[in-house]
Amino acid sequence: TEHHKDGIKMAEMASEKAESKEIKAMAQKIAKDQKKELKQMQEWRQQKYSSAPKTEQMQPKMDMSKLENYKGAELDKNFAMMMAKHHKAGIK
């Protein structure tokens, strides 16, 4: 779930600060979708696996400080690169 929380934070930042309409739209969709997925996973965890021990985070947290410092086209480019890396890490 930490993976999704990082993705949501990154997407919300890009949806506010991106220059490109396409990046803004993609970021808004990612945030919406990952919030829905996070809620579903939390419900499954509670309903089906509440007695199981919690697991450690599977990958390091994303460093959002880099993205926070970008604006416009630089933010667009770096958001796309970071989100691709983020999703790739989620399927390993």
PDB file of N, CA and C in Angstrom:
ATOM      1  N   THR A   1       0.818  -1.203   0.000  1.00  0.00           N
ATOM      2  CA  THR A   1       0.000   0.000   0.000  1.00  0.00           C
ATOM      3  C   THR A   1       0.860   1.265   0.000  1.00  0.00           C
ATOM      4  N   GLU A   2       2.069   1.179   0.561  1.00  0.00           N
ATOM      5  CA  GLU A   2       2.953   2.357   0.526  1.00  0.00           C
ATOM      6  C   GLU A   2       3.296   2.703  -0.915  1.00  0.00           C
ATOM      7  N   HIS A   3       3.436   1.692  -1.747  1.00  0.00           N
ATOM      8  CA  HIS A   3       3.710   1.907  -3.167  1.00  0.00           C
ATOM      9  C   HIS A   3       2.609   2.772  -3.783  1.00  0.00           C
ATOM     10  N   HIS A   4       1.350   2.452  -3.497  1.00  0.00           N
ATOM     11  CA  HIS A   4       0.233   3.220  -4.044  1.00  0.00           C
ATOM     12  C   HIS A   4       0.184   4.623  -3.435  1.00  0.00           C
ATOM     13  N   LYS A   5       0.482   4.749  -2.170  1.00  0.00           N
ATOM     14  CA  LYS A   5       0.480   6.075  -1.542  1.00  0.00           C
ATOM     15  C   LYS A   5       1.507   6.989  -2.195  1.00  0.00           C
ATOM     16  N   ASP A   6       2.689   6.436  -2.502  1.00  0.00           N
ATOM     17  CA  ASP A   6       3.711   7.221  -3.206  1.00  0.00           C
ATOM     18  C   ASP A   6       3.214   7.648  -4.579  1.00  0.00           C
ATOM     19  N   GLY A   7       2.590   6.719  -5.290  1.00  0.00           N
ATOM     20  CA  GLY A   7       2.070   7.029  -6.620  1.00  0.00           C
ATOM     21  C   GLY A   7       0.995   8.099  -6.587  1.00  0.00           C
ATOM     22  N   ILE A   8       0.142   8.029  -5.585  1.00  0.00           N
ATOM     23  CA  ILE A   8      -0.921   9.032  -5.426  1.00  0.00           C
ATOM     24  C   ILE A   8      -0.320  10.409  -5.161  1.00  0.00           C
ATOM     25  N   LYS A   9       0.636  10.461  -4.263  1.00  0.00           N
ATOM     26  CA  LYS A   9       1.268  11.741  -3.932  1.00  0.00           C
ATOM     27  C   LYS A   9       1.938  12.343  -5.164  1.00  0.00           C
ATOM     28  N   MET A  10       2.668  11.512  -5.908  1.00  0.00           N
ATOM     29  CA  MET A  10       3.354  11.986  -7.104  1.00  0.00           C
ATOM     30  C   MET A  10       2.341  12.469  -8.147  1.00  0.00           C
ATOM     31  N   ALA A  11       1.281  11.711  -8.345  1.00  0.00           N
ATOM     32  CA  ALA A  11       0.267  12.067  -9.341  1.00  0.00           C
ATOM     33  C   ALA A  11      -0.476  13.342  -8.958  1.00  0.00           C
ATOM     34  N   GLU A  12      -0.792  13.500  -7.687  1.00  0.00           N
ATOM     35  CA  GLU A  12      -1.476  14.723  -7.254  1.00  0.00           C
ATOM     36  C   GLU A  12      -0.590  15.951  -7.469  1.00  0.00           C
ATOM     37  N   MET A  13       0.695  15.795  -7.209  1.00  0.00           N
ATOM     38  CA  MET A  13       1.631  16.895  -7.416  1.00  0.00           C
ATOM     39  C   MET A  13       1.665  17.275  -8.907  1.00  0.00           C
ATOM     40  N   ALA A  14       1.735  16.268  -9.766  1.00  0.00           N
ATOM     41  CA  ALA A  14       1.791  16.535 -11.206  1.00  0.00           C
ATOM     42  C   ALA A  14       0.474  17.091 -11.725  1.00  0.00           C
ATOM     43  N   SER A  15      -0.638  16.648 -11.188  1.00  0.00           N
ATOM     44  CA  SER A  15      -1.923  17.159 -11.681  1.00  0.00           C
ATOM     45  C   SER A  15      -2.088  18.640 -11.364  1.00  0.00           C
ATOM     46  N   GLU A  16      -1.404  19.121 -10.348  1.00  0.00           N
ATOM     47  CA  GLU A  16      -1.458  20.538  -9.991  1.00  0.00           C
ATOM     48  C   GLU A  16      -0.417  21.377 -10.739  1.00  0.00           C
ATOM     49  N   LYS A  17       0.769  20.809 -10.962  1.00  0.00           N
ATOM     50  CA  LYS A  17       1.887  21.611 -11.453  1.00  0.00           C
ATOM     51  C   LYS A  17       2.293  21.350 -12.899  1.00  0.00           C
ATOM     52  N   ALA A  18       1.750  20.330 -13.534  1.00  0.00           N
ATOM     53  CA  ALA A  18       2.178  19.999 -14.895  1.00  0.00           C
ATOM     54  C   ALA A  18       1.788  21.089 -15.882  1.00  0.00           C
ATOM     55  N   GLU A  19       2.536  21.170 -16.943  1.00  0.00           N
ATOM     56  CA  GLU A  19       2.247  22.123 -18.013  1.00  0.00           C
ATOM     57  C   GLU A  19       1.355  21.483 -19.072  1.00  0.00           C
ATOM     58  N   SER A  20       1.652  20.253 -19.421  1.00  0.00           N
ATOM     59  CA  SER A  20       0.939  19.544 -20.486  1.00  0.00           C
ATOM     60  C   SER A  20      -0.445  19.079 -20.020  1.00  0.00           C
ATOM     61  N   LYS A  21      -1.447  19.325 -20.865  1.00  0.00           N
ATOM     62  CA  LYS A  21      -2.804  18.854 -20.549  1.00  0.00           C
ATOM     63  C   LYS A  21      -2.843  17.335 -20.461  1.00  0.00           C
ATOM     64  N   GLU A  22      -2.064  16.671 -21.308  1.00  0.00           N
ATOM     65  CA  GLU A  22      -2.030  15.204 -21.305  1.00  0.00           C
ATOM     66  C   GLU A  22      -1.432  14.664 -20.010  1.00  0.00           C
ATOM     67  N   ILE A  23      -0.351  15.296 -19.546  1.00  0.00           N
ATOM     68  CA  ILE A  23       0.273  14.871 -18.283  1.00  0.00           C
ATOM     69  C   ILE A  23      -0.686  15.116 -17.124  1.00  0.00           C
ATOM     70  N   LYS A  24      -1.337  16.281 -17.114  1.00  0.00           N
ATOM     71  CA  LYS A  24      -2.315  16.576 -16.050  1.00  0.00           C
ATOM     72  C   LYS A  24      -3.429  15.534 -16.034  1.00  0.00           C
ATOM     73  N   ALA A  25      -3.970  15.211 -17.209  1.00  0.00           N
ATOM     74  CA  ALA A  25      -5.059  14.238 -17.297  1.00  0.00           C
ATOM     75  C   ALA A  25      -4.587  12.857 -16.850  1.00  0.00           C
ATOM     76  N   MET A  26      -3.398  12.463 -17.294  1.00  0.00           N
ATOM     77  CA  MET A  26      -2.869  11.163 -16.890  1.00  0.00           C
ATOM     78  C   MET A  26      -2.642  11.126 -15.381  1.00  0.00           C
ATOM     79  N   ALA A  27      -2.085  12.186 -14.832  1.00  0.00           N
ATOM     80  CA  ALA A  27      -1.823  12.245 -13.393  1.00  0.00           C
ATOM     81  C   ALA A  27      -3.127  12.160 -12.597  1.00  0.00           C
ATOM     82  N   GLN A  28      -4.159  12.863 -13.051  1.00  0.00           N
ATOM     83  CA  GLN A  28      -5.457  12.803 -12.362  1.00  0.00           C
ATOM     84  C   GLN A  28      -6.028  11.390 -12.405  1.00  0.00           C
ATOM     85  N   LYS A  29      -5.893  10.714 -13.552  1.00  0.00           N
ATOM     86  CA  LYS A  29      -6.396   9.348 -13.681  1.00  0.00           C
ATOM     87  C   LYS A  29      -5.610   8.399 -12.787  1.00  0.00           C
ATOM     88  N   ILE A  30      -4.300   8.544 -12.761  1.00  0.00           N
ATOM     89  CA  ILE A  30      -3.470   7.683 -11.912  1.00  0.00           C
ATOM     90  C   ILE A  30      -3.865   7.858 -10.450  1.00  0.00           C
ATOM     91  N   ALA A  31      -4.015   9.103  -9.997  1.00  0.00           N
ATOM     92  CA  ALA A  31      -4.389   9.352  -8.599  1.00  0.00           C
ATOM     93  C   ALA A  31      -5.745   8.724  -8.287  1.00  0.00           C
ATOM     94  N   LYS A  32      -6.705   8.917  -9.168  1.00  0.00           N
ATOM     95  CA  LYS A  32      -8.044   8.354  -8.957  1.00  0.00           C
ATOM     96  C   LYS A  32      -7.992   6.825  -8.918  1.00  0.00           C
ATOM     97  N   ASP A  33      -7.311   6.228  -9.893  1.00  0.00           N
ATOM     98  CA  ASP A  33      -7.237   4.769  -9.968  1.00  0.00           C
ATOM     99  C   ASP A  33      -6.500   4.168  -8.772  1.00  0.00           C
ATOM    100  N   GLN A  34      -5.382   4.797  -8.389  1.00  0.00           N
ATOM    101  CA  GLN A  34      -4.610   4.225  -7.290  1.00  0.00           C
ATOM    102  C   GLN A  34      -5.313   4.406  -5.948  1.00  0.00           C
ATOM    103  N   LYS A  35      -6.089   5.463  -5.792  1.00  0.00           N
ATOM    104  CA  LYS A  35      -6.888   5.611  -4.564  1.00  0.00           C
ATOM    105  C   LYS A  35      -7.916   4.487  -4.477  1.00  0.00           C
ATOM    106  N   LYS A  36      -8.547   4.185  -5.605  1.00  0.00           N
ATOM    107  CA  LYS A  36      -9.530   3.101  -5.646  1.00  0.00           C
ATOM    108  C   LYS A  36      -8.859   1.753  -5.351  1.00  0.00           C
ATOM    109  N   GLU A  37      -7.701   1.512  -5.971  1.00  0.00           N
ATOM    110  CA  GLU A  37      -6.976   0.259  -5.747  1.00  0.00           C
ATOM    111  C   GLU A  37      -6.517   0.141  -4.298  1.00  0.00           C
ATOM    112  N   LEU A  38      -6.030   1.225  -3.732  1.00  0.00           N
ATOM    113  CA  LEU A  38      -5.570   1.222  -2.346  1.00  0.00           C
ATOM    114  C   LEU A  38      -6.722   0.885  -1.403  1.00  0.00           C
ATOM    115  N   LYS A  39      -7.867   1.512  -1.627  1.00  0.00           N
ATOM    116  CA  LYS A  39      -9.045   1.232  -0.798  1.00  0.00           C
ATOM    117  C   LYS A  39      -9.432  -0.241  -0.901  1.00  0.00           C
ATOM    118  N   GLN A  40      -9.431  -0.776  -2.124  1.00  0.00           N
ATOM    119  CA  GLN A  40      -9.795  -2.179  -2.329  1.00  0.00           C
ATOM    120  C   GLN A  40      -8.816  -3.110  -1.621  1.00  0.00           C
ATOM    121  N   MET A  41      -7.529  -2.836  -1.734  1.00  0.00           N
ATOM    122  CA  MET A  41      -6.536  -3.692  -1.074  1.00  0.00           C
ATOM    123  C   MET A  41      -6.666  -3.630   0.443  1.00  0.00           C
ATOM    124  N   GLN A  42      -6.945  -2.448   0.972  1.00  0.00           N
ATOM    125  CA  GLN A  42      -7.119  -2.317   2.419  1.00  0.00           C
ATOM    126  C   GLN A  42      -8.358  -3.091   2.886  1.00  0.00           C
ATOM    127  N   GLU A  43      -9.420  -3.049   2.089  1.00  0.00           N
ATOM    128  CA  GLU A  43     -10.630  -3.812   2.436  1.00  0.00           C
ATOM    129  C   GLU A  43     -10.364  -5.310   2.389  1.00  0.00           C
ATOM    130  N   TRP A  44      -9.663  -5.773   1.359  1.00  0.00           N
ATOM    131  CA  TRP A  44      -9.317  -7.195   1.275  1.00  0.00           C
ATOM    132  C   TRP A  44      -8.469  -7.616   2.465  1.00  0.00           C
ATOM    133  N   ARG A  45      -7.503  -6.788   2.789  1.00  0.00           N
ATOM    134  CA  ARG A  45      -6.608  -7.094   3.922  1.00  0.00           C
ATOM    135  C   ARG A  45      -7.431  -7.249   5.197  1.00  0.00           C
ATOM    136  N   GLN A  46      -8.343  -6.334   5.417  1.00  0.00           N
ATOM    137  CA  GLN A  46      -9.168  -6.374   6.625  1.00  0.00           C
ATOM    138  C   GLN A  46     -10.107  -7.576   6.628  1.00  0.00           C
ATOM    139  N   GLN A  47     -10.757  -7.830   5.497  1.00  0.00           N
ATOM    140  CA  GLN A  47     -11.747  -8.907   5.423  1.00  0.00           C
ATOM    141  C   GLN A  47     -11.124 -10.298   5.419  1.00  0.00           C
ATOM    142  N   LYS A  48     -10.034 -10.477   4.708  1.00  0.00           N
ATOM    143  CA  LYS A  48      -9.510 -11.815   4.468  1.00  0.00           C
ATOM    144  C   LYS A  48      -8.230 -12.140   5.218  1.00  0.00           C
ATOM    145  N   TYR A  49      -7.457 -11.133   5.553  1.00  0.00           N
ATOM    146  CA  TYR A  49      -6.125 -11.396   6.093  1.00  0.00           C
ATOM    147  C   TYR A  49      -5.825 -10.591   7.357  1.00  0.00           C
ATOM    148  N   SER A  50      -6.824 -10.237   8.108  1.00  0.00           N
ATOM    149  CA  SER A  50      -6.600  -9.356   9.264  1.00  0.00           C
ATOM    150  C   SER A  50      -5.700  -9.987  10.320  1.00  0.00           C
ATOM    151  N   SER A  51      -5.650 -11.311  10.379  1.00  0.00           N
ATOM    152  CA  SER A  51      -4.806 -11.956  11.392  1.00  0.00           C
ATOM    153  C   SER A  51      -3.366 -12.160  10.918  1.00  0.00           C
ATOM    154  N   ALA A  52      -3.105 -11.946   9.638  1.00  0.00           N
ATOM    155  CA  ALA A  52      -1.750 -12.123   9.113  1.00  0.00           C
ATOM    156  C   ALA A  52      -0.875 -10.951   9.543  1.00  0.00           C
ATOM    157  N   PRO A  53       0.403 -11.223   9.802  1.00  0.00           N
ATOM    158  CA  PRO A  53       1.298 -10.117  10.182  1.00  0.00           C
ATOM    159  C   PRO A  53       1.475  -9.151   9.011  1.00  0.00           C
ATOM    160  N   LYS A  54       1.634  -7.896   9.341  1.00  0.00           N
ATOM    161  CA  LYS A  54       1.850  -6.891   8.291  1.00  0.00           C
ATOM    162  C   LYS A  54       3.233  -7.110   7.691  1.00  0.00           C
ATOM    163  N   THR A  55       3.344  -6.869   6.404  1.00  0.00           N
ATOM    164  CA  THR A  55       4.617  -7.059   5.713  1.00  0.00           C
ATOM    165  C   THR A  55       5.371  -5.743   5.644  1.00  0.00           C
ATOM    166  N   GLU A  56       6.658  -5.861   5.448  1.00  0.00           N
ATOM    167  CA  GLU A  56       7.500  -4.679   5.288  1.00  0.00           C
ATOM    168  C   GLU A  56       7.272  -4.087   3.903  1.00  0.00           C
ATOM    169  N   GLN A  57       7.615  -2.840   3.763  1.00  0.00           N
ATOM    170  CA  GLN A  57       7.513  -2.188   2.461  1.00  0.00           C
ATOM    171  C   GLN A  57       8.426  -2.927   1.488  1.00  0.00           C
ATOM    172  N   MET A  58       7.933  -3.182   0.291  1.00  0.00           N
ATOM    173  CA  MET A  58       8.634  -4.012  -0.662  1.00  0.00           C
ATOM    174  C   MET A  58       9.744  -3.267  -1.407  1.00  0.00           C
ATOM    175  N   GLN A  59       9.691  -1.977  -1.450  1.00  0.00           N
ATOM    176  CA  GLN A  59      10.711  -1.208  -2.160  1.00  0.00           C
ATOM    177  C   GLN A  59      10.918   0.111  -1.437  1.00  0.00           C
ATOM    178  N   PRO A  60      12.036   0.771  -1.720  1.00  0.00           N
ATOM    179  CA  PRO A  60      12.277   2.056  -1.055  1.00  0.00           C
ATOM    180  C   PRO A  60      11.228   3.097  -1.443  1.00  0.00           C
ATOM    181  N   LYS A  61      10.953   4.010  -0.528  1.00  0.00           N
ATOM    182  CA  LYS A  61      10.022   5.107  -0.826  1.00  0.00           C
ATOM    183  C   LYS A  61      10.606   5.973  -1.935  1.00  0.00           C
ATOM    184  N   MET A  62       9.712   6.538  -2.716  1.00  0.00           N
ATOM    185  CA  MET A  62      10.132   7.433  -3.797  1.00  0.00           C
ATOM    186  C   MET A  62      10.613   8.748  -3.192  1.00  0.00           C
ATOM    187  N   ASP A  63      11.626   9.342  -3.789  1.00  0.00           N
ATOM    188  CA  ASP A  63      12.126  10.647  -3.359  1.00  0.00           C
ATOM    189  C   ASP A  63      11.374  11.734  -4.126  1.00  0.00           C
ATOM    190  N   MET A  64      10.325  12.260  -3.497  1.00  0.00           N
ATOM    191  CA  MET A  64       9.474  13.259  -4.145  1.00  0.00           C
ATOM    192  C   MET A  64      10.125  14.641  -4.177  1.00  0.00           C
ATOM    193  N   SER A  65      11.186  14.851  -3.415  1.00  0.00           N
ATOM    194  CA  SER A  65      11.786  16.184  -3.342  1.00  0.00           C
ATOM    195  C   SER A  65      12.280  16.643  -4.713  1.00  0.00           C
ATOM    196  N   LYS A  66      12.731  15.698  -5.527  1.00  0.00           N
ATOM    197  CA  LYS A  66      13.188  16.076  -6.871  1.00  0.00           C
ATOM    198  C   LYS A  66      12.029  16.631  -7.691  1.00  0.00           C
ATOM    199  N   LEU A  67      10.904  15.947  -7.648  1.00  0.00           N
ATOM    200  CA  LEU A  67       9.746  16.366  -8.439  1.00  0.00           C
ATOM    201  C   LEU A  67       9.182  17.693  -7.937  1.00  0.00           C
ATOM    202  N   GLU A  68       9.246  17.921  -6.635  1.00  0.00           N
ATOM    203  CA  GLU A  68       8.715  19.158  -6.054  1.00  0.00           C
ATOM    204  C   GLU A  68       9.426  20.393  -6.584  1.00  0.00           C
ATOM    205  N   ASN A  69      10.669  20.232  -7.009  1.00  0.00           N
ATOM    206  CA  ASN A  69      11.463  21.375  -7.457  1.00  0.00           C
ATOM    207  C   ASN A  69      11.281  21.715  -8.927  1.00  0.00           C
ATOM    208  N   TYR A  70      10.579  20.903  -9.668  1.00  0.00           N
ATOM    209  CA  TYR A  70      10.383  21.151 -11.099  1.00  0.00           C
ATOM    210  C   TYR A  70       9.083  21.895 -11.361  1.00  0.00           C
ATOM    211  N   LYS A  71       9.065  22.587 -12.507  1.00  0.00           N
ATOM    212  CA  LYS A  71       7.859  23.282 -12.969  1.00  0.00           C
ATOM    213  C   LYS A  71       7.719  23.033 -14.460  1.00  0.00           C
ATOM    214  N   GLY A  72       6.506  23.200 -14.955  1.00  0.00           N
ATOM    215  CA  GLY A  72       6.254  23.173 -16.390  1.00  0.00           C
ATOM    216  C   GLY A  72       6.746  21.930 -17.090  1.00  0.00           C
ATOM    217  N   ALA A  73       7.414  22.141 -18.228  1.00  0.00           N
ATOM    218  CA  ALA A  73       7.856  21.029 -19.066  1.00  0.00           C
ATOM    219  C   ALA A  73       8.850  20.125 -18.339  1.00  0.00           C
ATOM    220  N   GLU A  74       9.693  20.697 -17.479  1.00  0.00           N
ATOM    221  CA  GLU A  74      10.638  19.880 -16.704  1.00  0.00           C
ATOM    222  C   GLU A  74       9.893  18.950 -15.752  1.00  0.00           C
ATOM    223  N   LEU A  75       8.833  19.444 -15.137  1.00  0.00           N
ATOM    224  CA  LEU A  75       8.016  18.594 -14.268  1.00  0.00           C
ATOM    225  C   LEU A  75       7.351  17.496 -15.096  1.00  0.00           C
ATOM    226  N   ASP A  76       6.807  17.857 -16.247  1.00  0.00           N
ATOM    227  CA  ASP A  76       6.149  16.879 -17.106  1.00  0.00           C
ATOM    228  C   ASP A  76       7.095  15.722 -17.432  1.00  0.00           C
ATOM    229  N   LYS A  77       8.284  16.074 -17.894  1.00  0.00           N
ATOM    230  CA  LYS A  77       9.273  15.063 -18.292  1.00  0.00           C
ATOM    231  C   LYS A  77       9.664  14.187 -17.107  1.00  0.00           C
ATOM    232  N   ASN A  78       9.970  14.810 -15.982  1.00  0.00           N
ATOM    233  CA  ASN A  78      10.424  14.053 -14.816  1.00  0.00           C
ATOM    234  C   ASN A  78       9.303  13.244 -14.180  1.00  0.00           C
ATOM    235  N   PHE A  79       8.080  13.758 -14.212  1.00  0.00           N
ATOM    236  CA  PHE A  79       6.943  12.983 -13.716  1.00  0.00           C
ATOM    237  C   PHE A  79       6.778  11.716 -14.546  1.00  0.00           C
ATOM    238  N   ALA A  80       6.825  11.848 -15.864  1.00  0.00           N
ATOM    239  CA  ALA A  80       6.668  10.684 -16.737  1.00  0.00           C
ATOM    240  C   ALA A  80       7.759   9.652 -16.461  1.00  0.00           C
ATOM    241  N   MET A  81       8.990  10.103 -16.304  1.00  0.00           N
ATOM    242  CA  MET A  81      10.094   9.173 -16.040  1.00  0.00           C
ATOM    243  C   MET A  81       9.944   8.514 -14.660  1.00  0.00           C
ATOM    244  N   MET A  82       9.619   9.316 -13.640  1.00  0.00           N
ATOM    245  CA  MET A  82       9.490   8.767 -12.288  1.00  0.00           C
ATOM    246  C   MET A  82       8.294   7.826 -12.181  1.00  0.00           C
ATOM    247  N   MET A  83       7.185   8.168 -12.828  1.00  0.00           N
ATOM    248  CA  MET A  83       6.001   7.310 -12.746  1.00  0.00           C
ATOM    249  C   MET A  83       6.244   5.992 -13.475  1.00  0.00           C
ATOM    250  N   ALA A  84       6.949   6.042 -14.589  1.00  0.00           N
ATOM    251  CA  ALA A  84       7.293   4.797 -15.296  1.00  0.00           C
ATOM    252  C   ALA A  84       8.154   3.907 -14.402  1.00  0.00           C
ATOM    253  N   LYS A  85       9.136   4.509 -13.750  1.00  0.00           N
ATOM    254  CA  LYS A  85      10.007   3.755 -12.830  1.00  0.00           C
ATOM    255  C   LYS A  85       9.177   3.208 -11.656  1.00  0.00           C
ATOM    256  N   HIS A  86       8.286   4.022 -11.138  1.00  0.00           N
ATOM    257  CA  HIS A  86       7.422   3.634 -10.019  1.00  0.00           C
ATOM    258  C   HIS A  86       6.578   2.420 -10.389  1.00  0.00           C
ATOM    259  N   HIS A  87       5.952   2.447 -11.563  1.00  0.00           N
ATOM    260  CA  HIS A  87       5.109   1.326 -11.990  1.00  0.00           C
ATOM    261  C   HIS A  87       5.926   0.085 -12.294  1.00  0.00           C
ATOM    262  N   LYS A  88       7.092   0.274 -12.876  1.00  0.00           N
ATOM    263  CA  LYS A  88       7.962  -0.862 -13.158  1.00  0.00           C
ATOM    264  C   LYS A  88       8.370  -1.563 -11.855  1.00  0.00           C
ATOM    265  N   ALA A  89       8.666  -0.777 -10.823  1.00  0.00           N
ATOM    266  CA  ALA A  89       9.028  -1.343  -9.522  1.00  0.00           C
ATOM    267  C   ALA A  89       7.859  -2.108  -8.903  1.00  0.00           C
ATOM    268  N   GLY A  90       6.657  -1.662  -9.185  1.00  0.00           N
ATOM    269  CA  GLY A  90       5.467  -2.309  -8.622  1.00  0.00           C
ATOM    270  C   GLY A  90       5.165  -3.669  -9.226  1.00  0.00           C
ATOM    271  N   ILE A  91       5.711  -3.957 -10.408  1.00  0.00           N
ATOM    272  CA  ILE A  91       5.422  -5.251 -11.024  1.00  0.00           C
ATOM    273  C   ILE A  91       6.577  -6.226 -10.918  1.00  0.00           C
ATOM    274  N   LYS A  92       7.642  -5.847 -10.256  1.00  0.00           N
ATOM    275  CA  LYS A  92       8.767  -6.766 -10.073  1.00  0.00           C
ATOM    276  C   LYS A  92       8.442  -7.819  -9.048  1.00  0.00           C
TER     277      LYS A  92
END
